[in-house]
Amino acid sequence: MIITLAQWTIETFPDALLFSLLCIVAVFLILIIIATIMSLLNRVRALDVKEVVKMKDGTEADEDMMAAIFVATLEYRKERKEDCKVLSCKLLEDENKKSNK
């Protein structure tokens, strides 16, 4: 025998409390399902091919270069309190690497 919520008679405080808790649990289950679906969609979207960023001088920026640019612009903005635009980024090699060649 299936008892639906419409058939449930609420006559005492514990009945009302139990009914409220069941409703809260149902809402949280729905929210967990929605969050799971959204996280799966974000993973699928993350698998897309990433756009190649090119500087004005033609060099392509990789992930490390993009992280360095991001940190440098944050530091510049924090220090100078003004907007900035990155036009180019170059890789500076270590002196050890140059001396070994």
Protein backbone atom coordinates (compact mmCIF):
# COMPACT_ATOMS: atom_id res chain seq x y z
CA MET A 1 0.00 0.00 0.00
CA ILE A 2 1.41 3.38 -1.07
CA ILE A 3 0.71 6.40 1.09
CA THR A 4 0.92 9.71 -0.74
CA LEU A 5 1.55 13.05 0.93
CA ALA A 6 -2.00 14.17 0.13
CA GLN A 7 -3.37 11.27 2.15
CA TRP A 8 -1.13 11.95 5.14
CA THR A 9 -3.07 13.59 7.96
CA ILE A 10 -1.09 15.93 10.13
CA GLU A 11 -2.64 16.15 13.56
CA THR A 12 0.27 16.47 15.97
CA PHE A 13 3.53 18.39 16.15
CA PRO A 14 5.73 15.29 15.50
CA ASP A 15 3.69 14.57 12.34
CA ALA A 16 4.26 18.13 11.14
CA LEU A 17 7.96 17.92 11.99
CA LEU A 18 8.35 14.64 10.10
CA PHE A 19 6.49 16.06 7.11
CA SER A 20 8.75 19.15 7.11
CA LEU A 21 11.89 17.04 7.31
CA LEU A 22 10.74 14.87 4.41
CA CYS A 23 10.09 17.97 2.31
CA ILE A 24 13.51 19.40 3.16
CA VAL A 25 15.19 16.11 2.26
CA ALA A 26 13.30 16.02 -1.05
CA VAL A 27 14.46 19.56 -1.91
CA PHE A 28 18.08 18.74 -1.10
CA LEU A 29 17.94 15.57 -3.20
CA ILE A 30 16.68 17.59 -6.14
CA LEU A 31 19.46 20.15 -5.62
CA ILE A 32 22.09 17.39 -5.49
CA ILE A 33 20.77 15.93 -8.75
CA ILE A 34 20.88 19.36 -10.42
CA ALA A 35 24.42 20.01 -9.14
CA THR A 36 25.59 16.62 -10.42
CA ILE A 37 24.14 17.26 -13.85
CA MET A 38 25.73 20.73 -13.98
CA SER A 39 29.16 19.38 -12.99
CA LEU A 40 28.93 16.73 -15.73
CA LEU A 41 28.05 19.41 -18.26
CA ASN A 42 31.02 21.50 -17.13
CA ARG A 43 33.36 18.56 -17.61
CA VAL A 44 32.07 18.00 -21.13
CA ARG A 45 32.51 21.68 -21.91
CA ALA A 46 36.06 21.58 -20.48
CA LEU A 47 37.03 18.90 -22.99
CA ASP A 48 36.55 21.34 -25.86
CA VAL A 49 39.64 22.46 -27.73
CA LYS A 50 41.14 25.50 -26.04
CA GLU A 51 41.67 28.68 -28.01
CA VAL A 52 45.24 29.55 -28.91
CA VAL A 53 46.23 33.00 -27.65
CA LYS A 54 48.64 34.94 -29.87
CA MET A 55 50.51 38.09 -28.89
CA LYS A 56 50.94 41.06 -31.22
CA ASP A 57 54.46 39.86 -32.09
CA GLY A 58 53.08 36.48 -33.19
CA THR A 59 54.21 34.31 -30.28
CA GLU A 60 51.71 31.75 -28.99
CA ALA A 61 51.05 31.73 -25.26
CA ASP A 62 51.02 28.37 -23.45
CA GLU A 63 49.45 27.65 -20.04
CA ASP A 64 52.56 28.65 -18.07
CA MET A 65 52.84 31.90 -19.97
CA MET A 66 49.16 32.69 -19.40
CA ALA A 67 49.57 32.06 -15.65
CA ALA A 68 52.62 34.37 -15.58
CA ILE A 69 50.72 37.08 -17.46
CA PHE A 70 47.79 36.76 -15.08
CA VAL A 71 49.97 37.09 -11.97
CA ALA A 72 51.93 40.00 -13.45
CA THR A 73 48.78 41.94 -14.35
CA LEU A 74 47.33 41.34 -10.88
CA GLU A 75 50.50 42.65 -9.24
CA TYR A 76 50.65 45.66 -11.58
CA ARG A 77 47.02 46.53 -10.93
CA LYS A 78 47.46 46.13 -7.17
CA GLU A 79 50.53 48.39 -7.17
CA ARG A 80 49.48 51.10 -9.65
CA LYS A 81 45.70 50.98 -9.16
CA GLU A 82 45.03 51.34 -12.89
CA ASP A 83 43.99 49.10 -15.76
CA CYS A 84 46.56 47.58 -18.07
CA LYS A 85 46.70 45.60 -21.29
CA VAL A 86 49.35 42.99 -22.06
CA LEU A 87 50.71 43.43 -25.58
CA SER A 88 53.48 40.85 -25.57
CA CYS A 89 55.22 38.30 -23.41
CA LYS A 90 58.67 36.82 -23.92
CA LEU A 91 60.40 33.85 -22.35
CA LEU A 92 63.64 34.77 -20.60
CA GLU A 93 66.00 31.83 -20.46
CA ASP A 94 68.25 31.12 -17.47
CA GLU A 95 71.90 32.06 -17.73
CA ASN A 96 72.76 28.42 -16.96
CA LYS A 97 70.94 27.25 -20.05
CA LYS A 98 72.71 29.82 -22.22
CA SER A 99 76.15 28.87 -20.88
CA ASN A 100 75.52 25.16 -21.52
CA LYS A 101 74.79 25.76 -25.22
